[in-house]
């Protein structure tokens, strides 16, 4: 993770995976960091969110946010909460969730949707990548239906538990866990070569 955050950037990691035939590893381009300086690197803990019916009064099993809290509480050190599956009509992440994730030493959160409580998250300094800020609550509109399972994104990218999530100002890329060490090594070699060309 330190190598990713201090020596590499998403463009070079994506280029390396292209050469390995892994051509669909970037998450949708609308998913951006809250600030240009924000970087995220950690192991994916995917979460599936589903929309509720329009006239819903909340979670049908009477446990509003129940599975979401279990997913959040399951985060381990250096893991990234990666959420997909919902329509972009409400916030999937907020300030209290960021506080809890920080307490668990998680590496950050990546949403295929919106976050809220932006000022609080920025004050915490917790890495969050999303489609933007939008305060509308998920309570009556969506719920977590599963977690620690593969998550599919609209552009065809797939994130499985344990994959490496790496994000910076240029986007978010998922590195399959079984090739992560090799991808990082090749990316470091590529950066070294590019630096040599710059000096020349």
C-alpha atoms as a PDB file:
ATOM      1  CA  UNK A   1       0.000   0.000   0.000  1.00  0.00           C
ATOM      2  CA  UNK A   2       2.864   2.370   0.790  1.00  0.00           C
ATOM      3  CA  UNK A   3       4.374   1.721  -2.641  1.00  0.00           C
ATOM      4  CA  UNK A   4       1.059   2.528  -4.302  1.00  0.00           C
ATOM      5  CA  UNK A   5       0.484   5.751  -2.397  1.00  0.00           C
ATOM      6  CA  UNK A   6       4.038   7.120  -2.514  1.00  0.00           C
ATOM      7  CA  UNK A   7       5.539   5.868  -5.786  1.00  0.00           C
ATOM      8  CA  UNK A   8       2.699   5.044  -8.177  1.00  0.00           C
ATOM      9  CA  UNK A   9      -0.429   6.550  -9.720  1.00  0.00           C
ATOM     10  CA  UNK A  10      -3.556   5.004 -11.226  1.00  0.00           C
ATOM     11  CA  UNK A  11      -2.611   5.709 -14.850  1.00  0.00           C
ATOM     12  CA  UNK A  12       0.543   3.600 -14.753  1.00  0.00           C
ATOM     13  CA  UNK A  13      -1.193   0.799 -12.828  1.00  0.00           C
ATOM     14  CA  UNK A  14      -3.980   0.757 -15.411  1.00  0.00           C
ATOM     15  CA  UNK A  15      -1.437   0.719 -18.266  1.00  0.00           C
ATOM     16  CA  UNK A  16       0.315  -2.291 -16.756  1.00  0.00           C
ATOM     17  CA  UNK A  17      -2.937  -4.213 -16.380  1.00  0.00           C
ATOM     18  CA  UNK A  18      -3.832  -3.421 -20.013  1.00  0.00           C
ATOM     19  CA  UNK A  19      -0.623  -5.190 -21.073  1.00  0.00           C
ATOM     20  CA  UNK A  20      -1.683  -8.205 -18.994  1.00  0.00           C
ATOM     21  CA  UNK A  21      -5.069  -8.363 -20.706  1.00  0.00           C
ATOM     22  CA  UNK A  22      -6.922  -6.889 -17.711  1.00  0.00           C
ATOM     23  CA  UNK A  23      -8.752  -4.167 -19.623  1.00  0.00           C
ATOM     24  CA  UNK A  24     -11.755  -3.430 -17.418  1.00  0.00           C
ATOM     25  CA  UNK A  25     -10.208  -2.584 -14.059  1.00  0.00           C
ATOM     26  CA  UNK A  26     -11.078   1.105 -13.740  1.00  0.00           C
ATOM     27  CA  UNK A  27     -14.282   1.912 -11.901  1.00  0.00           C
ATOM     28  CA  UNK A  28     -16.651   4.389 -13.623  1.00  0.00           C
ATOM     29  CA  UNK A  29     -14.985   7.760 -14.294  1.00  0.00           C
ATOM     30  CA  UNK A  30     -17.701   9.608 -12.371  1.00  0.00           C
ATOM     31  CA  UNK A  31     -16.287   8.169  -9.119  1.00  0.00           C
ATOM     32  CA  UNK A  32     -13.913  10.878  -7.887  1.00  0.00           C
ATOM     33  CA  UNK A  33     -11.979  11.832  -4.756  1.00  0.00           C
ATOM     34  CA  UNK A  34     -13.468  14.460  -2.455  1.00  0.00           C
ATOM     35  CA  UNK A  35     -10.281  16.499  -2.909  1.00  0.00           C
ATOM     36  CA  UNK A  36      -7.560  16.382  -5.597  1.00  0.00           C
ATOM     37  CA  UNK A  37      -4.949  15.415  -3.001  1.00  0.00           C
ATOM     38  CA  UNK A  38      -6.895  12.415  -1.696  1.00  0.00           C
ATOM     39  CA  UNK A  39      -5.381   8.948  -2.274  1.00  0.00           C
ATOM     40  CA  UNK A  40      -6.817   5.583  -1.302  1.00  0.00           C
ATOM     41  CA  UNK A  41      -5.152   2.155  -1.190  1.00  0.00           C
ATOM     42  CA  UNK A  42      -6.417  -0.961   0.546  1.00  0.00           C
ATOM     43  CA  UNK A  43      -8.129  -4.317   0.197  1.00  0.00           C
ATOM     44  CA  UNK A  44     -11.694  -4.323  -1.099  1.00  0.00           C
ATOM     45  CA  UNK A  45     -14.629  -5.230   1.103  1.00  0.00           C
ATOM     46  CA  UNK A  46     -17.453  -5.044  -1.476  1.00  0.00           C
ATOM     47  CA  UNK A  47     -20.989  -4.102  -0.421  1.00  0.00           C
ATOM     48  CA  UNK A  48     -24.168  -4.490  -2.482  1.00  0.00           C
ATOM     49  CA  UNK A  49     -26.864  -1.831  -2.088  1.00  0.00           C
ATOM     50  CA  UNK A  50     -30.356  -2.204  -3.578  1.00  0.00           C
ATOM     51  CA  UNK A  51     -33.132   0.337  -4.064  1.00  0.00           C
ATOM     52  CA  UNK A  52     -36.338   0.054  -2.055  1.00  0.00           C
ATOM     53  CA  UNK A  53     -39.800   0.498  -3.627  1.00  0.00           C
ATOM     54  CA  UNK A  54     -40.879   4.099  -4.152  1.00  0.00           C
ATOM     55  CA  UNK A  55     -43.559   3.932  -1.413  1.00  0.00           C
ATOM     56  CA  UNK A  56     -41.335   2.154   1.113  1.00  0.00           C
ATOM     57  CA  UNK A  57     -41.383   3.090   4.799  1.00  0.00           C
ATOM     58  CA  UNK A  58     -37.915   1.665   5.219  1.00  0.00           C
ATOM     59  CA  UNK A  59     -36.254  -1.717   5.397  1.00  0.00           C
ATOM     60  CA  UNK A  60     -39.009  -4.342   5.004  1.00  0.00           C
ATOM     61  CA  UNK A  61     -37.542  -6.581   7.703  1.00  0.00           C
ATOM     62  CA  UNK A  62     -37.876  -3.771  10.243  1.00  0.00           C
ATOM     63  CA  UNK A  63     -34.128  -3.446  10.619  1.00  0.00           C
ATOM     64  CA  UNK A  64     -33.268  -0.093   9.036  1.00  0.00           C
ATOM     65  CA  UNK A  65     -29.530   0.007   8.295  1.00  0.00           C
ATOM     66  CA  UNK A  66     -29.065  -3.386  10.020  1.00  0.00           C
ATOM     67  CA  UNK A  67     -27.043  -5.139   7.341  1.00  0.00           C
ATOM     68  CA  UNK A  68     -25.239  -1.911   6.479  1.00  0.00           C
ATOM     69  CA  UNK A  69     -24.036  -1.634  10.076  1.00  0.00           C
ATOM     70  CA  UNK A  70     -22.883  -5.250  10.013  1.00  0.00           C
ATOM     71  CA  UNK A  71     -20.977  -4.607   6.810  1.00  0.00           C
ATOM     72  CA  UNK A  72     -19.435  -1.484   8.276  1.00  0.00           C
ATOM     73  CA  UNK A  73     -18.510  -3.227  11.527  1.00  0.00           C
ATOM     74  CA  UNK A  74     -16.879  -6.065   9.586  1.00  0.00           C
ATOM     75  CA  UNK A  75     -14.221  -3.736   8.154  1.00  0.00           C
ATOM     76  CA  UNK A  76     -10.680  -4.729   9.018  1.00  0.00           C
ATOM     77  CA  UNK A  77      -7.450  -2.753   9.012  1.00  0.00           C
ATOM     78  CA  UNK A  78      -6.536  -1.441   5.538  1.00  0.00           C
ATOM     79  CA  UNK A  79      -9.857  -2.510   3.993  1.00  0.00           C
ATOM     80  CA  UNK A  80     -11.937  -0.303   1.702  1.00  0.00           C
ATOM     81  CA  UNK A  81     -15.742  -0.223   1.861  1.00  0.00           C
ATOM     82  CA  UNK A  82     -16.683  -0.516  -1.835  1.00  0.00           C
ATOM     83  CA  UNK A  83     -20.402  -0.022  -2.520  1.00  0.00           C
ATOM     84  CA  UNK A  84     -22.254  -0.679  -5.804  1.00  0.00           C
ATOM     85  CA  UNK A  85     -25.698  -1.639  -7.057  1.00  0.00           C
ATOM     86  CA  UNK A  86     -27.923   1.312  -6.125  1.00  0.00           C
ATOM     87  CA  UNK A  87     -29.400   4.004  -8.319  1.00  0.00           C
ATOM     88  CA  UNK A  88     -27.681   7.408  -7.989  1.00  0.00           C
ATOM     89  CA  UNK A  89     -30.576   8.992  -6.090  1.00  0.00           C
ATOM     90  CA  UNK A  90     -29.386   9.039  -2.458  1.00  0.00           C
ATOM     91  CA  UNK A  91     -26.268   9.050  -0.308  1.00  0.00           C
ATOM     92  CA  UNK A  92     -24.510   5.757   0.400  1.00  0.00           C
ATOM     93  CA  UNK A  93     -21.923   7.094   2.849  1.00  0.00           C
ATOM     94  CA  UNK A  94     -21.682   9.798   5.499  1.00  0.00           C
ATOM     95  CA  UNK A  95     -19.827  11.279   8.410  1.00  0.00           C
ATOM     96  CA  UNK A  96     -20.780   8.783  11.113  1.00  0.00           C
ATOM     97  CA  UNK A  97     -19.839   5.901   8.834  1.00  0.00           C
ATOM     98  CA  UNK A  98     -16.475   7.568   8.217  1.00  0.00           C
ATOM     99  CA  UNK A  99     -15.910   7.937  11.965  1.00  0.00           C
ATOM    100  CA  UNK A 100     -16.661   4.245  12.549  1.00  0.00           C
ATOM    101  CA  UNK A 101     -14.479   3.134   9.632  1.00  0.00           C
ATOM    102  CA  UNK A 102     -11.579   5.223  10.925  1.00  0.00           C
ATOM    103  CA  UNK A 103     -11.960   3.629  14.365  1.00  0.00           C
ATOM    104  CA  UNK A 104     -11.598   0.234  12.678  1.00  0.00           C
ATOM    105  CA  UNK A 105      -8.453   1.445  10.808  1.00  0.00           C
ATOM    106  CA  UNK A 106     -10.121   1.024   7.416  1.00  0.00           C
ATOM    107  CA  UNK A 107      -8.356   2.570   4.425  1.00  0.00           C
ATOM    108  CA  UNK A 108     -11.321   4.431   2.939  1.00  0.00           C
ATOM    109  CA  UNK A 109     -14.621   4.140   1.098  1.00  0.00           C
ATOM    110  CA  UNK A 110     -15.544   4.022  -2.599  1.00  0.00           C
ATOM    111  CA  UNK A 111     -19.144   4.607  -3.672  1.00  0.00           C
ATOM    112  CA  UNK A 112     -20.833   4.059  -7.016  1.00  0.00           C
ATOM    113  CA  UNK A 113     -23.169   6.768  -5.814  1.00  0.00           C
ATOM    114  CA  UNK A 114     -23.177   9.795  -3.551  1.00  0.00           C
ATOM    115  CA  UNK A 115     -21.795  10.673  -0.140  1.00  0.00           C
ATOM    116  CA  UNK A 116     -23.051  13.312   2.302  1.00  0.00           C
ATOM    117  CA  UNK A 117     -21.710  15.131   5.383  1.00  0.00           C
ATOM    118  CA  UNK A 118     -18.857  16.406   3.228  1.00  0.00           C
ATOM    119  CA  UNK A 119     -17.522  18.925   5.742  1.00  0.00           C
ATOM    120  CA  UNK A 120     -17.418  16.279   8.459  1.00  0.00           C
ATOM    121  CA  UNK A 121     -15.610  13.775   6.227  1.00  0.00           C
ATOM    122  CA  UNK A 122     -13.062  16.379   5.138  1.00  0.00           C
ATOM    123  CA  UNK A 123     -12.436  17.360   8.758  1.00  0.00           C
ATOM    124  CA  UNK A 124     -11.780  13.695   9.571  1.00  0.00           C
ATOM    125  CA  UNK A 125      -9.395  13.359   6.632  1.00  0.00           C
ATOM    126  CA  UNK A 126     -10.913  10.000   5.726  1.00  0.00           C
ATOM    127  CA  UNK A 127     -10.413   8.986   2.055  1.00  0.00           C
ATOM    128  CA  UNK A 128     -13.792   8.849   0.281  1.00  0.00           C
ATOM    129  CA  UNK A 129     -14.369   8.511  -3.459  1.00  0.00           C
ATOM    130  CA  UNK A 130     -17.887   8.925  -4.840  1.00  0.00           C
ATOM    131  CA  UNK A 131     -19.985  10.395  -7.655  1.00  0.00           C
ATOM    132  CA  UNK A 132     -20.367  13.578  -5.617  1.00  0.00           C
ATOM    133  CA  UNK A 133     -22.113  15.106  -2.641  1.00  0.00           C
ATOM    134  CA  UNK A 134     -25.870  14.734  -2.214  1.00  0.00           C
ATOM    135  CA  UNK A 135     -27.558  14.834   1.195  1.00  0.00           C
ATOM    136  CA  UNK A 136     -30.672  12.765   0.464  1.00  0.00           C
ATOM    137  CA  UNK A 137     -30.850   9.887   2.966  1.00  0.00           C
ATOM    138  CA  UNK A 138     -30.867   6.234   1.970  1.00  0.00           C
ATOM    139  CA  UNK A 139     -33.170   5.117   4.825  1.00  0.00           C
ATOM    140  CA  UNK A 140     -36.413   5.152   2.809  1.00  0.00           C
ATOM    141  CA  UNK A 141     -34.739   4.548  -0.549  1.00  0.00           C
ATOM    142  CA  UNK A 142     -32.169   1.770  -0.316  1.00  0.00           C
ATOM    143  CA  UNK A 143     -30.535  -0.837   1.842  1.00  0.00           C
ATOM    144  CA  UNK A 144     -27.498  -3.098   1.919  1.00  0.00           C
ATOM    145  CA  UNK A 145     -28.495  -6.563   0.723  1.00  0.00           C
ATOM    146  CA  UNK A 146     -25.113  -8.343   0.883  1.00  0.00           C
ATOM    147  CA  UNK A 147     -21.447  -7.762   1.608  1.00  0.00           C
ATOM    148  CA  UNK A 148     -18.053  -9.447   1.263  1.00  0.00           C
ATOM    149  CA  UNK A 149     -19.190 -10.699  -2.174  1.00  0.00           C
ATOM    150  CA  UNK A 150     -18.146  -9.634  -5.707  1.00  0.00           C
ATOM    151  CA  UNK A 151     -19.615  -6.319  -6.835  1.00  0.00           C
ATOM    152  CA  UNK A 152     -20.263  -5.356 -10.466  1.00  0.00           C
ATOM    153  CA  UNK A 153     -20.059  -1.758 -11.659  1.00  0.00           C
ATOM    154  CA  UNK A 154     -22.054  -0.272 -14.575  1.00  0.00           C
ATOM    155  CA  UNK A 155     -18.986  -0.079 -16.832  1.00  0.00           C
ATOM    156  CA  UNK A 156     -18.255  -3.800 -16.438  1.00  0.00           C
ATOM    157  CA  UNK A 157     -15.599  -3.543 -13.730  1.00  0.00           C
ATOM    158  CA  UNK A 158     -15.782  -6.263 -11.112  1.00  0.00           C
ATOM    159  CA  UNK A 159     -14.440  -5.965  -7.561  1.00  0.00           C
ATOM    160  CA  UNK A 160     -13.998  -9.091  -5.464  1.00  0.00           C
ATOM    161  CA  UNK A 161     -13.205  -9.320  -1.753  1.00  0.00           C
ATOM    162  CA  UNK A 162      -9.481  -8.838  -1.183  1.00  0.00           C
ATOM    163  CA  UNK A 163      -8.774  -7.099  -4.489  1.00  0.00           C
ATOM    164  CA  UNK A 164      -6.579  -4.029  -4.169  1.00  0.00           C
ATOM    165  CA  UNK A 165      -8.386  -0.702  -4.533  1.00  0.00           C
ATOM    166  CA  UNK A 166      -6.191   2.211  -5.574  1.00  0.00           C
ATOM    167  CA  UNK A 167      -7.520   5.693  -6.221  1.00  0.00           C
ATOM    168  CA  UNK A 168      -6.105   9.131  -6.885  1.00  0.00           C
ATOM    169  CA  UNK A 169      -7.023  12.318  -8.755  1.00  0.00           C
ATOM    170  CA  UNK A 170      -7.363  10.376 -12.032  1.00  0.00           C
ATOM    171  CA  UNK A 171      -9.800   7.695 -10.873  1.00  0.00           C
ATOM    172  CA  UNK A 172     -10.098   4.376  -9.037  1.00  0.00           C
ATOM    173  CA  UNK A 173      -8.662   1.084 -10.233  1.00  0.00           C
ATOM    174  CA  UNK A 174      -9.212  -2.449  -8.900  1.00  0.00           C
ATOM    175  CA  UNK A 175      -6.197  -4.775  -8.989  1.00  0.00           C
ATOM    176  CA  UNK A 176      -7.183  -8.468  -8.790  1.00  0.00           C
ATOM    177  CA  UNK A 177      -5.673  -9.921  -5.641  1.00  0.00           C
ATOM    178  CA  UNK A 178      -4.011 -12.868  -7.386  1.00  0.00           C
ATOM    179  CA  UNK A 179      -1.884 -10.588  -9.618  1.00  0.00           C
ATOM    180  CA  UNK A 180      -1.478  -7.580  -7.325  1.00  0.00           C
ATOM    181  CA  UNK A 181       2.171  -8.157  -6.392  1.00  0.00           C
ATOM    182  CA  UNK A 182       3.212  -8.572 -10.007  1.00  0.00           C
ATOM    183  CA  UNK A 183       1.203  -5.553 -11.155  1.00  0.00           C
ATOM    184  CA  UNK A 184       2.789  -3.311  -8.534  1.00  0.00           C
ATOM    185  CA  UNK A 185       6.284  -4.571  -9.408  1.00  0.00           C
ATOM    186  CA  UNK A 186       5.744  -3.943 -13.128  1.00  0.00           C
ATOM    187  CA  UNK A 187       4.268  -0.506 -12.405  1.00  0.00           C
ATOM    188  CA  UNK A 188       7.329   0.475 -10.374  1.00  0.00           C
ATOM    189  CA  UNK A 189       9.562  -0.665 -13.247  1.00  0.00           C
ATOM    190  CA  UNK A 190       7.480   1.349 -15.721  1.00  0.00           C
ATOM    191  CA  UNK A 191       7.665   4.494 -13.602  1.00  0.00           C
ATOM    192  CA  UNK A 192      11.435   4.097 -13.282  1.00  0.00           C
ATOM    193  CA  UNK A 193      11.723   3.826 -17.059  1.00  0.00           C
ATOM    194  CA  UNK A 194       9.504   6.860 -17.623  1.00  0.00           C
ATOM    195  CA  UNK A 195      11.586   8.884 -15.159  1.00  0.00           C
ATOM    196  CA  UNK A 196      14.712   7.948 -17.108  1.00  0.00           C
ATOM    197  CA  UNK A 197      13.066   9.218 -20.329  1.00  0.00           C
ATOM    198  CA  UNK A 198      12.129  12.484 -18.579  1.00  0.00           C
ATOM    199  CA  UNK A 199      15.713  13.032 -17.458  1.00  0.00           C
ATOM    200  CA  UNK A 200      16.955  12.340 -21.017  1.00  0.00           C
END
